[in-house]
Amino acid sequence: MGQPHFTRRAGLLAGSMALASAWPGITANRARAAAEKGDGVVVRYLSTRGDVTTYELAEALGWFKDANIKIESQGYSQGGPESLVALASGSVDLAGAATPAIINAITAGAKIQGIMPDGGVNKDINSKFFVLADSDIHSPKDLEGKSIAVNTLGAHLDYTVREYLRDHGISSDAVNLITVPGPQLEQILRHKQADVVAVGAWQSVFAGKIEQDGGIRVLFTDYDVLGTIVLGTDAMEKSFIAKNTEAVRDFVTTSARAADWSTQHLQDARQLVASILKKRGDNPELAQYWPGYGLRQHALYTPHDTQFWIDVLVRAGRLKPGQLTANDVDANAYNGLAKLAQK
């Protein structure tokens, strides 16, 4: 591959700002408001290399048939901001993105709602920031002037870096970010085209291979920075939800059931993940490293998942105090399993 693209972050995130400026014009030309067809509801989305979503797993289990729901991949996305642009343009009906990116889209005018978490961070399943074993980077201070490879700007890994640096009194402008697709991260690190590579929890299959190949160490994880938290959110436009409310409830509840099933049947889930990866031309051998989704039971939100990022964006001047609440961004309202968790 050619040289990766280096981007220096300054002030506000470029990816988020581009999305914010684009959204109002894009939504005015939305291709269609809903995906209702005579043979059921179709939910279009963008796949991610190395990642199998809860709804893709539910589809492989055959659980959407009774609900008369079909899912259709429209290609691949490099990250959440790209998926959100596709949602705004009407190319897809569902977009998965980091919570800060969802918040930025809403404040930019997007009429969207987070309907379910698409992954989580905990002590066992998390995003890892790798360096070579002999790297001279051992502390946060050592990152100054160094390059960090992430999948995209304006999303989870980018914001995690910002929080990590802030926690240690280092300016976010002190590091360079490189945008690199997940499958190329190991090559970028071992060829020293980046000092650090960030492998998202949703890319854990790549992290597993990197660790097995050896010669690396983990500098820090997003769990070290954020603790237990929802990694990202699947969002739909409110007009789609209003037209297909029952189908959305079935979609979310069935996806949550699939997440619970994967936790209880990890080896069986890995076999399904392998078959899904193979079917779409990805490497099925990577499924052996798949750790699961890192979600709470029933794939539920807590207020902290979103309020944490609202507070971050208020502190950064991207939001005014009280401008948004967690319920403005996402909710458990469409998850039929939520009542099982109520005491």
C-alpha atoms as a PDB file:
ATOM      1  CA  MET A   1       0.000   0.000   0.000  1.00  0.00           C
ATOM      2  CA  GLY A   2       1.088   3.622  -0.321  1.00  0.00           C
ATOM      3  CA  GLN A   3       2.030   5.901   2.477  1.00  0.00           C
ATOM      4  CA  PRO A   4      -0.765   6.494   4.979  1.00  0.00           C
ATOM      5  CA  HIS A   5      -2.402   9.887   5.109  1.00  0.00           C
ATOM      6  CA  PHE A   6      -1.157  12.025   7.981  1.00  0.00           C
ATOM      7  CA  THR A   7      -3.522  14.560   9.493  1.00  0.00           C
ATOM      8  CA  ARG A   8      -2.629  16.931  12.339  1.00  0.00           C
ATOM      9  CA  ARG A   9      -5.557  17.604  14.615  1.00  0.00           C
ATOM     10  CA  ALA A  10      -6.045  21.193  15.654  1.00  0.00           C
ATOM     11  CA  GLY A  11      -8.899  22.552  17.719  1.00  0.00           C
ATOM     12  CA  LEU A  12     -12.150  20.854  16.724  1.00  0.00           C
ATOM     13  CA  LEU A  13     -12.126  17.565  14.906  1.00  0.00           C
ATOM     14  CA  ALA A  14     -12.095  17.839  11.139  1.00  0.00           C
ATOM     15  CA  GLY A  15     -14.307  14.818  10.606  1.00  0.00           C
ATOM     16  CA  SER A  16     -16.972  16.053  12.977  1.00  0.00           C
ATOM     17  CA  MET A  17     -16.959  19.526  11.502  1.00  0.00           C
ATOM     18  CA  ALA A  18     -17.241  18.213   7.963  1.00  0.00           C
ATOM     19  CA  LEU A  19     -20.215  16.119   8.978  1.00  0.00           C
ATOM     20  CA  ALA A  20     -21.799  19.028  10.815  1.00  0.00           C
ATOM     21  CA  SER A  21     -21.551  21.323   7.815  1.00  0.00           C
ATOM     22  CA  ALA A  22     -22.803  18.684   5.420  1.00  0.00           C
ATOM     23  CA  TRP A  23     -25.846  17.348   7.256  1.00  0.00           C
ATOM     24  CA  PRO A  24     -28.529  20.011   6.658  1.00  0.00           C
ATOM     25  CA  GLY A  25     -27.925  20.065   2.900  1.00  0.00           C
ATOM     26  CA  ILE A  26     -27.720  16.305   2.593  1.00  0.00           C
ATOM     27  CA  THR A  27     -30.915  15.551   4.476  1.00  0.00           C
ATOM     28  CA  ALA A  28     -32.844  17.877   2.223  1.00  0.00           C
ATOM     29  CA  ASN A  29     -32.119  15.485  -0.645  1.00  0.00           C
ATOM     30  CA  ARG A  30     -32.839  12.284   1.221  1.00  0.00           C
ATOM     31  CA  ALA A  31     -33.492   9.444  -1.212  1.00  0.00           C
ATOM     32  CA  ARG A  32     -36.303   7.776   0.703  1.00  0.00           C
ATOM     33  CA  ALA A  33     -37.876   8.130   4.101  1.00  0.00           C
ATOM     34  CA  ALA A  34     -38.358   4.428   4.813  1.00  0.00           C
ATOM     35  CA  ALA A  35     -37.536   1.003   3.482  1.00  0.00           C
ATOM     36  CA  GLU A  36     -40.997  -0.486   3.569  1.00  0.00           C
ATOM     37  CA  LYS A  37     -41.555  -3.089   0.831  1.00  0.00           C
ATOM     38  CA  GLY A  38     -44.316  -5.542   0.093  1.00  0.00           C
ATOM     39  CA  ASP A  39     -42.198  -8.410   1.408  1.00  0.00           C
ATOM     40  CA  GLY A  40     -41.321  -6.740   4.699  1.00  0.00           C
ATOM     41  CA  VAL A  41     -39.068  -4.010   6.033  1.00  0.00           C
ATOM     42  CA  VAL A  42     -35.574  -3.740   4.597  1.00  0.00           C
ATOM     43  CA  VAL A  43     -32.828  -2.172   6.706  1.00  0.00           C
ATOM     44  CA  ARG A  44     -29.842  -1.018   4.662  1.00  0.00           C
ATOM     45  CA  TYR A  45     -26.461  -0.486   6.306  1.00  0.00           C
ATOM     46  CA  LEU A  46     -22.705  -0.374   5.682  1.00  0.00           C
ATOM     47  CA  SER A  47     -20.478  -3.217   6.817  1.00  0.00           C
ATOM     48  CA  THR A  48     -17.118  -2.801   8.549  1.00  0.00           C
ATOM     49  CA  ARG A  49     -14.068  -4.929   7.748  1.00  0.00           C
ATOM     50  CA  GLY A  50     -13.430  -7.485  10.487  1.00  0.00           C
ATOM     51  CA  ASP A  51     -16.628  -6.615  12.356  1.00  0.00           C
ATOM     52  CA  VAL A  52     -19.868  -8.585  12.594  1.00  0.00           C
ATOM     53  CA  THR A  53     -22.734  -6.643  14.146  1.00  0.00           C
ATOM     54  CA  THR A  54     -25.440  -7.949  16.450  1.00  0.00           C
ATOM     55  CA  TYR A  55     -28.001  -7.655  13.675  1.00  0.00           C
ATOM     56  CA  GLU A  56     -25.779  -9.511  11.207  1.00  0.00           C
ATOM     57  CA  LEU A  57     -25.509 -12.280  13.786  1.00  0.00           C
ATOM     58  CA  ALA A  58     -29.294 -12.249  14.288  1.00  0.00           C
ATOM     59  CA  GLU A  59     -29.753 -12.550  10.533  1.00  0.00           C
ATOM     60  CA  ALA A  60     -27.346 -15.506  10.378  1.00  0.00           C
ATOM     61  CA  LEU A  61     -29.327 -17.170  13.177  1.00  0.00           C
ATOM     62  CA  GLY A  62     -32.488 -16.778  11.098  1.00  0.00           C
ATOM     63  CA  TRP A  63     -34.204 -14.749  13.785  1.00  0.00           C
ATOM     64  CA  PHE A  64     -35.466 -11.931  11.552  1.00  0.00           C
ATOM     65  CA  LYS A  65     -37.646 -14.195   9.442  1.00  0.00           C
ATOM     66  CA  ASP A  66     -40.607 -14.212  11.815  1.00  0.00           C
ATOM     67  CA  ALA A  67     -40.456 -10.424  12.038  1.00  0.00           C
ATOM     68  CA  ASN A  68     -40.378 -10.128   8.232  1.00  0.00           C
ATOM     69  CA  ILE A  69     -37.216  -8.022   8.373  1.00  0.00           C
ATOM     70  CA  LYS A  70     -34.369  -8.125   5.891  1.00  0.00           C
ATOM     71  CA  ILE A  71     -30.964  -6.491   6.180  1.00  0.00           C
ATOM     72  CA  GLU A  72     -28.949  -5.406   3.155  1.00  0.00           C
ATOM     73  CA  SER A  73     -25.318  -4.322   3.208  1.00  0.00           C
ATOM     74  CA  GLN A  74     -24.599  -1.464   0.825  1.00  0.00           C
ATOM     75  CA  GLY A  75     -20.831  -1.883   0.920  1.00  0.00           C
ATOM     76  CA  TYR A  76     -18.172  -0.974   3.471  1.00  0.00           C
ATOM     77  CA  SER A  77     -17.562   1.998   5.725  1.00  0.00           C
ATOM     78  CA  GLN A  78     -14.243   3.183   7.094  1.00  0.00           C
ATOM     79  CA  GLY A  79     -15.926   4.493  10.238  1.00  0.00           C
ATOM     80  CA  GLY A  80     -18.909   6.076  11.933  1.00  0.00           C
ATOM     81  CA  PRO A  81     -18.770   9.556  10.338  1.00  0.00           C
ATOM     82  CA  GLU A  82     -18.837   7.970   6.873  1.00  0.00           C
ATOM     83  CA  SER A  83     -21.840   5.841   7.875  1.00  0.00           C
ATOM     84  CA  LEU A  84     -23.631   8.911   9.217  1.00  0.00           C
ATOM     85  CA  VAL A  85     -23.135  10.729   5.922  1.00  0.00           C
ATOM     86  CA  ALA A  86     -24.604   7.698   4.139  1.00  0.00           C
ATOM     87  CA  LEU A  87     -27.579   7.817   6.510  1.00  0.00           C
ATOM     88  CA  ALA A  88     -28.078  11.507   5.820  1.00  0.00           C
ATOM     89  CA  SER A  89     -27.975  10.970   2.055  1.00  0.00           C
ATOM     90  CA  GLY A  90     -30.570   8.183   2.187  1.00  0.00           C
ATOM     91  CA  SER A  91     -28.116   5.514   1.047  1.00  0.00           C
ATOM     92  CA  VAL A  92     -28.687   3.512   4.227  1.00  0.00           C
ATOM     93  CA  ASP A  93     -31.350   3.266   6.925  1.00  0.00           C
ATOM     94  CA  LEU A  94     -29.029   2.455   9.828  1.00  0.00           C
ATOM     95  CA  ALA A  95     -25.663   3.911  10.800  1.00  0.00           C
ATOM     96  CA  GLY A  96     -23.359   2.749  13.553  1.00  0.00           C
ATOM     97  CA  ALA A  97     -21.086   5.412  15.000  1.00  0.00           C
ATOM     98  CA  ALA A  98     -19.321   6.445  18.170  1.00  0.00           C
ATOM     99  CA  THR A  99     -21.514   8.300  20.635  1.00  0.00           C
ATOM    100  CA  PRO A 100     -19.653  11.631  20.190  1.00  0.00           C
ATOM    101  CA  ALA A 101     -20.190  11.426  16.423  1.00  0.00           C
ATOM    102  CA  ILE A 102     -23.909  10.784  16.951  1.00  0.00           C
ATOM    103  CA  ILE A 103     -24.108  13.788  19.280  1.00  0.00           C
ATOM    104  CA  ASN A 104     -22.280  15.987  16.774  1.00  0.00           C
ATOM    105  CA  ALA A 105     -24.684  14.926  14.021  1.00  0.00           C
ATOM    106  CA  ILE A 106     -27.729  15.729  16.168  1.00  0.00           C
ATOM    107  CA  THR A 107     -26.399  19.164  17.088  1.00  0.00           C
ATOM    108  CA  ALA A 108     -25.744  19.765  13.377  1.00  0.00           C
ATOM    109  CA  GLY A 109     -29.433  19.230  12.638  1.00  0.00           C
ATOM    110  CA  ALA A 110     -29.742  15.505  12.050  1.00  0.00           C
ATOM    111  CA  LYS A 111     -33.180  14.165  12.970  1.00  0.00           C
ATOM    112  CA  ILE A 112     -31.835  10.847  14.178  1.00  0.00           C
ATOM    113  CA  GLN A 113     -32.198   8.627  17.228  1.00  0.00           C
ATOM    114  CA  GLY A 114     -29.847   6.064  18.707  1.00  0.00           C
ATOM    115  CA  ILE A 115     -31.871   2.853  18.904  1.00  0.00           C
ATOM    116  CA  MET A 116     -29.350   0.399  20.370  1.00  0.00           C
ATOM    117  CA  PRO A 117     -25.683   0.062  21.345  1.00  0.00           C
ATOM    118  CA  ASP A 118     -23.519  -1.631  18.740  1.00  0.00           C
ATOM    119  CA  GLY A 119     -20.736  -2.601  21.126  1.00  0.00           C
ATOM    120  CA  GLY A 120     -19.268  -1.879  24.511  1.00  0.00           C
ATOM    121  CA  VAL A 121     -16.025  -1.415  26.393  1.00  0.00           C
ATOM    122  CA  ASN A 122     -15.190  -3.345  29.549  1.00  0.00           C
ATOM    123  CA  LYS A 123     -12.110  -4.816  31.208  1.00  0.00           C
ATOM    124  CA  ASP A 124     -12.125  -7.855  28.908  1.00  0.00           C
ATOM    125  CA  ILE A 125     -13.282  -6.359  25.598  1.00  0.00           C
ATOM    126  CA  ASN A 126     -11.739  -3.041  24.669  1.00  0.00           C
ATOM    127  CA  SER A 127      -9.792  -1.017  22.143  1.00  0.00           C
ATOM    128  CA  LYS A 128      -6.035  -1.458  22.341  1.00  0.00           C
ATOM    129  CA  PHE A 129      -3.304   1.037  21.528  1.00  0.00           C
ATOM    130  CA  PHE A 130      -0.287  -1.000  20.412  1.00  0.00           C
ATOM    131  CA  VAL A 131       3.380  -0.086  20.149  1.00  0.00           C
ATOM    132  CA  LEU A 132       6.297  -2.246  19.122  1.00  0.00           C
ATOM    133  CA  ALA A 133       7.920  -4.102  21.996  1.00  0.00           C
ATOM    134  CA  ASP A 134      11.158  -2.117  21.616  1.00  0.00           C
ATOM    135  CA  SER A 135       9.417   1.251  21.199  1.00  0.00           C
ATOM    136  CA  ASP A 136      10.721   4.145  23.272  1.00  0.00           C
ATOM    137  CA  ILE A 137       7.130   5.087  24.127  1.00  0.00           C
ATOM    138  CA  HIS A 138       6.415   4.065  27.712  1.00  0.00           C
ATOM    139  CA  SER A 139       4.447   6.973  29.157  1.00  0.00           C
ATOM    140  CA  PRO A 140       1.870   9.523  27.968  1.00  0.00           C
ATOM    141  CA  LYS A 141       4.587  12.188  27.787  1.00  0.00           C
ATOM    142  CA  ASP A 142       6.473  10.017  25.285  1.00  0.00           C
ATOM    143  CA  LEU A 143       3.612  10.434  22.796  1.00  0.00           C
ATOM    144  CA  GLU A 144       4.458  14.052  22.071  1.00  0.00           C
ATOM    145  CA  GLY A 145       5.418  14.381  18.416  1.00  0.00           C
ATOM    146  CA  LYS A 146       4.457  10.778  17.689  1.00  0.00           C
ATOM    147  CA  SER A 147       1.908   9.384  15.231  1.00  0.00           C
ATOM    148  CA  ILE A 148      -1.139   7.304  16.136  1.00  0.00           C
ATOM    149  CA  ALA A 149      -3.079   5.320  13.545  1.00  0.00           C
ATOM    150  CA  VAL A 150      -6.871   5.249  13.930  1.00  0.00           C
ATOM    151  CA  ASN A 151      -9.628   4.096  11.598  1.00  0.00           C
ATOM    152  CA  THR A 152     -11.190   7.540  11.140  1.00  0.00           C
ATOM    153  CA  LEU A 153     -11.270  11.034  12.582  1.00  0.00           C
ATOM    154  CA  GLY A 154     -14.170  12.320  14.634  1.00  0.00           C
ATOM    155  CA  ALA A 155     -15.053   8.948  16.122  1.00  0.00           C
ATOM    156  CA  HIS A 156     -14.379   6.745  19.149  1.00  0.00           C
ATOM    157  CA  LEU A 157     -10.638   6.194  18.908  1.00  0.00           C
ATOM    158  CA  ASP A 158      -9.972   9.839  18.095  1.00  0.00           C
ATOM    159  CA  TYR A 159     -11.962  11.021  21.113  1.00  0.00           C
ATOM    160  CA  THR A 160     -10.329   8.389  23.313  1.00  0.00           C
ATOM    161  CA  VAL A 161      -6.895   9.748  22.365  1.00  0.00           C
ATOM    162  CA  ARG A 162      -8.065  13.270  23.197  1.00  0.00           C
ATOM    163  CA  GLU A 163      -9.329  12.168  26.626  1.00  0.00           C
ATOM    164  CA  TYR A 164      -6.160  10.173  27.338  1.00  0.00           C
ATOM    165  CA  LEU A 165      -3.969  13.156  26.537  1.00  0.00           C
ATOM    166  CA  ARG A 166      -6.181  15.550  28.520  1.00  0.00           C
ATOM    167  CA  ASP A 167      -6.065  13.234  31.533  1.00  0.00           C
ATOM    168  CA  HIS A 168      -2.282  13.522  31.467  1.00  0.00           C
ATOM    169  CA  GLY A 169      -2.061  17.254  30.806  1.00  0.00           C
ATOM    170  CA  ILE A 170      -0.962  16.934  27.165  1.00  0.00           C
ATOM    171  CA  SER A 171      -2.392  18.989  24.290  1.00  0.00           C
ATOM    172  CA  SER A 172      -4.281  17.039  21.641  1.00  0.00           C
ATOM    173  CA  ASP A 173      -2.170  18.875  19.051  1.00  0.00           C
ATOM    174  CA  ALA A 174       0.948  17.192  20.441  1.00  0.00           C
ATOM    175  CA  VAL A 175       0.307  14.021  18.416  1.00  0.00           C
ATOM    176  CA  ASN A 176      -0.401  13.270  14.767  1.00  0.00           C
ATOM    177  CA  LEU A 177      -3.278  11.042  13.749  1.00  0.00           C
ATOM    178  CA  ILE A 178      -3.062   8.763  10.716  1.00  0.00           C
ATOM    179  CA  THR A 179      -6.218   7.264   9.237  1.00  0.00           C
ATOM    180  CA  VAL A 180      -5.626   3.606   8.395  1.00  0.00           C
ATOM    181  CA  PRO A 181      -8.107   0.777   7.624  1.00  0.00           C
ATOM    182  CA  GLY A 182      -8.249  -1.987  10.219  1.00  0.00           C
ATOM    183  CA  PRO A 183      -6.762  -4.758   8.044  1.00  0.00           C
ATOM    184  CA  GLN A 184      -3.613  -2.647   7.462  1.00  0.00           C
ATOM    185  CA  LEU A 185      -2.894  -1.656  11.050  1.00  0.00           C
ATOM    186  CA  GLU A 186      -0.443  -4.460  11.774  1.00  0.00           C
ATOM    187  CA  GLN A 187       1.560  -3.710   8.634  1.00  0.00           C
ATOM    188  CA  ILE A 188       1.641  -0.002   9.465  1.00  0.00           C
ATOM    189  CA  LEU A 189       2.988  -0.702  12.960  1.00  0.00           C
ATOM    190  CA  ARG A 190       5.581  -3.295  12.016  1.00  0.00           C
ATOM    191  CA  HIS A 191       6.858  -1.174   9.119  1.00  0.00           C
ATOM    192  CA  LYS A 192       7.121   1.776  11.527  1.00  0.00           C
ATOM    193  CA  GLN A 193       4.809   3.976   9.472  1.00  0.00           C
ATOM    194  CA  ALA A 194       3.101   4.865  12.749  1.00  0.00           C
ATOM    195  CA  ASP A 195       4.384   4.880  16.296  1.00  0.00           C
ATOM    196  CA  VAL A 196       1.098   3.636  17.764  1.00  0.00           C
ATOM    197  CA  VAL A 197      -1.826   1.800  16.181  1.00  0.00           C
ATOM    198  CA  ALA A 198      -5.281   1.903  17.746  1.00  0.00           C
ATOM    199  CA  VAL A 199      -7.349  -1.226  17.188  1.00  0.00           C
ATOM    200  CA  GLY A 200     -10.983  -0.646  18.103  1.00  0.00           C
ATOM    201  CA  ALA A 201     -12.914  -3.178  20.166  1.00  0.00           C
ATOM    202  CA  TRP A 202     -15.031  -3.783  17.070  1.00  0.00           C
ATOM    203  CA  GLN A 203     -11.780  -4.707  15.285  1.00  0.00           C
ATOM    204  CA  SER A 204     -10.713  -7.203  17.956  1.00  0.00           C
ATOM    205  CA  VAL A 205     -10.115  -9.883  15.356  1.00  0.00           C
ATOM    206  CA  PHE A 206      -7.200  -7.785  14.089  1.00  0.00           C
ATOM    207  CA  ALA A 207      -5.962  -7.168  17.639  1.00  0.00           C
ATOM    208  CA  GLY A 208      -5.935 -10.907  18.301  1.00  0.00           C
ATOM    209  CA  LYS A 209      -3.738 -11.569  15.294  1.00  0.00           C
ATOM    210  CA  ILE A 210      -1.371  -8.712  16.168  1.00  0.00           C
ATOM    211  CA  GLU A 211      -0.931 -10.085  19.680  1.00  0.00           C
ATOM    212  CA  GLN A 212      -0.414 -13.638  18.456  1.00  0.00           C
ATOM    213  CA  ASP A 213       2.268 -12.515  16.001  1.00  0.00           C
ATOM    214  CA  GLY A 214       4.183 -11.036  18.944  1.00  0.00           C
ATOM    215  CA  GLY A 215       6.768  -8.314  19.206  1.00  0.00           C
ATOM    216  CA  ILE A 216       4.282  -5.719  20.463  1.00  0.00           C
ATOM    217  CA  ARG A 217       2.863  -4.430  23.714  1.00  0.00           C
ATOM    218  CA  VAL A 218      -0.264  -2.572  24.752  1.00  0.00           C
ATOM    219  CA  LEU A 219       0.422   1.026  25.750  1.00  0.00           C
ATOM    220  CA  PHE A 220      -3.125   1.621  27.021  1.00  0.00           C
ATOM    221  CA  THR A 221      -6.734   0.687  26.291  1.00  0.00           C
ATOM    222  CA  ASP A 222      -9.910   2.718  26.034  1.00  0.00           C
ATOM    223  CA  TYR A 223     -11.108   0.920  29.176  1.00  0.00           C
ATOM    224  CA  ASP A 224      -8.195   2.548  31.012  1.00  0.00           C
ATOM    225  CA  VAL A 225      -9.510   5.930  29.854  1.00  0.00           C
ATOM    226  CA  LEU A 226     -13.282   5.501  29.813  1.00  0.00           C
ATOM    227  CA  GLY A 227     -14.114   2.555  32.056  1.00  0.00           C
ATOM    228  CA  THR A 228     -17.190   0.459  31.266  1.00  0.00           C
ATOM    229  CA  ILE A 229     -19.176   2.310  28.621  1.00  0.00           C
ATOM    230  CA  VAL A 230     -21.097   1.801  25.386  1.00  0.00           C
ATOM    231  CA  LEU A 231     -18.657   1.899  22.492  1.00  0.00           C
ATOM    232  CA  GLY A 232     -21.032   3.187  19.837  1.00  0.00           C
ATOM    233  CA  THR A 233     -24.642   3.466  18.795  1.00  0.00           C
ATOM    234  CA  ASP A 234     -26.792   2.306  15.906  1.00  0.00           C
ATOM    235  CA  ALA A 235     -28.953   5.217  14.783  1.00  0.00           C
ATOM    236  CA  MET A 236     -31.884   5.677  12.417  1.00  0.00           C
ATOM    237  CA  GLU A 237     -33.672   8.747  11.148  1.00  0.00           C
ATOM    238  CA  LYS A 238     -36.750   9.556  13.189  1.00  0.00           C
ATOM    239  CA  SER A 239     -38.923   9.509  10.052  1.00  0.00           C
ATOM    240  CA  PHE A 240     -37.912   5.907   9.382  1.00  0.00           C
ATOM    241  CA  ILE A 241     -38.653   4.931  12.984  1.00  0.00           C
ATOM    242  CA  ALA A 242     -42.062   6.629  12.893  1.00  0.00           C
ATOM    243  CA  LYS A 243     -43.056   4.785   9.721  1.00  0.00           C
ATOM    244  CA  ASN A 244     -41.725   1.414  10.850  1.00  0.00           C
ATOM    245  CA  THR A 245     -42.022   1.551  14.645  1.00  0.00           C
ATOM    246  CA  GLU A 246     -43.000  -2.067  15.273  1.00  0.00           C
ATOM    247  CA  ALA A 247     -40.367  -3.333  12.861  1.00  0.00           C
ATOM    248  CA  VAL A 248     -37.730  -1.201  14.604  1.00  0.00           C
ATOM    249  CA  ARG A 249     -38.758  -2.688  17.955  1.00  0.00           C
ATOM    250  CA  ASP A 250     -38.479  -6.192  16.498  1.00  0.00           C
ATOM    251  CA  PHE A 251     -35.126  -5.315  14.921  1.00  0.00           C
ATOM    252  CA  VAL A 252     -33.643  -3.955  18.167  1.00  0.00           C
ATOM    253  CA  THR A 253     -35.049  -6.661  20.431  1.00  0.00           C
ATOM    254  CA  THR A 254     -33.920  -9.459  18.125  1.00  0.00           C
ATOM    255  CA  SER A 255     -30.440  -7.940  17.824  1.00  0.00           C
ATOM    256  CA  ALA A 256     -30.238  -7.694  21.626  1.00  0.00           C
ATOM    257  CA  ARG A 257     -31.235 -11.363  21.887  1.00  0.00           C
ATOM    258  CA  ALA A 258     -28.416 -12.215  19.476  1.00  0.00           C
ATOM    259  CA  ALA A 259     -25.943 -10.278  21.627  1.00  0.00           C
ATOM    260  CA  ASP A 260     -27.061 -12.210  24.722  1.00  0.00           C
ATOM    261  CA  TRP A 261     -26.852 -15.508  22.800  1.00  0.00           C
ATOM    262  CA  SER A 262     -23.287 -14.762  21.685  1.00  0.00           C
ATOM    263  CA  THR A 263     -22.219 -14.232  25.303  1.00  0.00           C
ATOM    264  CA  GLN A 264     -23.720 -17.556  26.346  1.00  0.00           C
ATOM    265  CA  HIS A 265     -22.482 -19.479  23.264  1.00  0.00           C
ATOM    266  CA  LEU A 266     -19.178 -17.847  22.360  1.00  0.00           C
ATOM    267  CA  GLN A 267     -17.719 -20.750  20.387  1.00  0.00           C
ATOM    268  CA  ASP A 268     -20.905 -21.212  18.369  1.00  0.00           C
ATOM    269  CA  ALA A 269     -20.987 -17.477  17.768  1.00  0.00           C
ATOM    270  CA  ARG A 270     -17.404 -17.550  16.515  1.00  0.00           C
ATOM    271  CA  GLN A 271     -18.368 -20.207  13.980  1.00  0.00           C
ATOM    272  CA  LEU A 272     -21.173 -17.979  12.730  1.00  0.00           C
ATOM    273  CA  VAL A 273     -18.848 -14.979  12.634  1.00  0.00           C
ATOM    274  CA  ALA A 274     -16.410 -17.038  10.549  1.00  0.00           C
ATOM    275  CA  SER A 275     -19.156 -17.963   8.074  1.00  0.00           C
ATOM    276  CA  ILE A 276     -20.278 -14.333   7.779  1.00  0.00           C
ATOM    277  CA  LEU A 277     -16.713 -13.121   7.212  1.00  0.00           C
ATOM    278  CA  LYS A 278     -16.139 -15.814   4.583  1.00  0.00           C
ATOM    279  CA  LYS A 279     -19.388 -15.049   2.778  1.00  0.00           C
ATOM    280  CA  ARG A 280     -18.459 -11.402   2.300  1.00  0.00           C
ATOM    281  CA  GLY A 281     -14.849 -12.063   1.330  1.00  0.00           C
ATOM    282  CA  ASP A 282     -13.119 -11.313   4.645  1.00  0.00           C
ATOM    283  CA  ASN A 283     -10.693 -13.728   6.309  1.00  0.00           C
ATOM    284  CA  PRO A 284     -12.748 -16.292   8.311  1.00  0.00           C
ATOM    285  CA  GLU A 285      -9.645 -17.399  10.242  1.00  0.00           C
ATOM    286  CA  LEU A 286      -9.825 -14.130  12.169  1.00  0.00           C
ATOM    287  CA  ALA A 287     -13.029 -15.293  13.875  1.00  0.00           C
ATOM    288  CA  GLN A 288     -10.942 -17.301  16.356  1.00  0.00           C
ATOM    289  CA  TYR A 289      -9.967 -13.965  17.938  1.00  0.00           C
ATOM    290  CA  TRP A 290     -13.523 -12.609  18.130  1.00  0.00           C
ATOM    291  CA  PRO A 291     -14.240 -11.811  21.812  1.00  0.00           C
ATOM    292  CA  GLY A 292     -17.914 -10.817  21.660  1.00  0.00           C
ATOM    293  CA  TYR A 293     -19.627  -7.449  21.829  1.00  0.00           C
ATOM    294  CA  GLY A 294     -18.710  -6.182  25.281  1.00  0.00           C
ATOM    295  CA  LEU A 295     -22.323  -5.189  25.871  1.00  0.00           C
ATOM    296  CA  ARG A 296     -24.291  -5.317  29.091  1.00  0.00           C
ATOM    297  CA  GLN A 297     -26.976  -7.978  29.359  1.00  0.00           C
ATOM    298  CA  HIS A 298     -29.806  -7.302  26.887  1.00  0.00           C
ATOM    299  CA  ALA A 299     -27.650  -4.684  25.115  1.00  0.00           C
ATOM    300  CA  LEU A 300     -29.021  -1.833  27.222  1.00  0.00           C
ATOM    301  CA  TYR A 301     -27.889   1.760  27.633  1.00  0.00           C
ATOM    302  CA  THR A 302     -27.305   3.453  30.963  1.00  0.00           C
ATOM    303  CA  PRO A 303     -27.443   7.269  31.281  1.00  0.00           C
ATOM    304  CA  HIS A 304     -23.672   7.324  31.861  1.00  0.00           C
ATOM    305  CA  ASP A 305     -22.955   5.974  28.365  1.00  0.00           C
ATOM    306  CA  THR A 306     -24.106   9.177  26.727  1.00  0.00           C
ATOM    307  CA  GLN A 307     -23.834  11.717  29.551  1.00  0.00           C
ATOM    308  CA  PHE A 308     -20.091  11.077  29.755  1.00  0.00           C
ATOM    309  CA  TRP A 309     -19.648  12.280  26.159  1.00  0.00           C
ATOM    310  CA  ILE A 310     -22.100  15.150  26.531  1.00  0.00           C
ATOM    311  CA  ASP A 311     -19.949  16.388  29.420  1.00  0.00           C
ATOM    312  CA  VAL A 312     -16.811  16.010  27.299  1.00  0.00           C
ATOM    313  CA  LEU A 313     -18.312  18.045  24.459  1.00  0.00           C
ATOM    314  CA  VAL A 314     -19.603  20.714  26.840  1.00  0.00           C
ATOM    315  CA  ARG A 315     -16.103  21.019  28.287  1.00  0.00           C
ATOM    316  CA  ALA A 316     -14.697  21.306  24.758  1.00  0.00           C
ATOM    317  CA  GLY A 317     -17.178  24.025  23.843  1.00  0.00           C
ATOM    318  CA  ARG A 318     -18.974  21.891  21.265  1.00  0.00           C
ATOM    319  CA  LEU A 319     -22.192  21.877  23.315  1.00  0.00           C
ATOM    320  CA  LYS A 320     -23.816  24.379  25.617  1.00  0.00           C
ATOM    321  CA  PRO A 321     -24.660  23.181  29.133  1.00  0.00           C
ATOM    322  CA  GLY A 322     -28.136  21.661  29.077  1.00  0.00           C
ATOM    323  CA  GLN A 323     -28.325  21.686  25.278  1.00  0.00           C
ATOM    324  CA  LEU A 324     -28.819  17.909  25.098  1.00  0.00           C
ATOM    325  CA  THR A 325     -29.764  15.131  27.481  1.00  0.00           C
ATOM    326  CA  ALA A 326     -28.925  11.457  27.143  1.00  0.00           C
ATOM    327  CA  ASN A 327     -32.518  10.743  26.083  1.00  0.00           C
ATOM    328  CA  ASP A 328     -32.135  13.169  23.178  1.00  0.00           C
ATOM    329  CA  VAL A 329     -29.402  10.940  21.794  1.00  0.00           C
ATOM    330  CA  ASP A 330     -30.376   7.332  22.474  1.00  0.00           C
ATOM    331  CA  ALA A 331     -32.885   5.290  24.421  1.00  0.00           C
ATOM    332  CA  ASN A 332     -33.881   1.768  25.415  1.00  0.00           C
ATOM    333  CA  ALA A 333     -37.436   2.491  24.249  1.00  0.00           C
ATOM    334  CA  TYR A 334     -37.206   0.098  21.285  1.00  0.00           C
ATOM    335  CA  ASN A 335     -35.618  -2.788  23.189  1.00  0.00           C
ATOM    336  CA  GLY A 336     -38.300  -5.230  24.306  1.00  0.00           C
ATOM    337  CA  LEU A 337     -35.839  -6.835  26.732  1.00  0.00           C
ATOM    338  CA  ALA A 338     -35.507  -3.630  28.749  1.00  0.00           C
ATOM    339  CA  LYS A 339     -38.406  -4.578  31.004  1.00  0.00           C
ATOM    340  CA  LEU A 340     -36.554  -7.750  32.019  1.00  0.00           C
ATOM    341  CA  ALA A 341     -33.840  -5.605  33.581  1.00  0.00           C
ATOM    342  CA  GLN A 342     -36.248  -3.477  35.576  1.00  0.00           C
ATOM    343  CA  LYS A 343     -36.347  -4.162  39.292  1.00  0.00           C
END
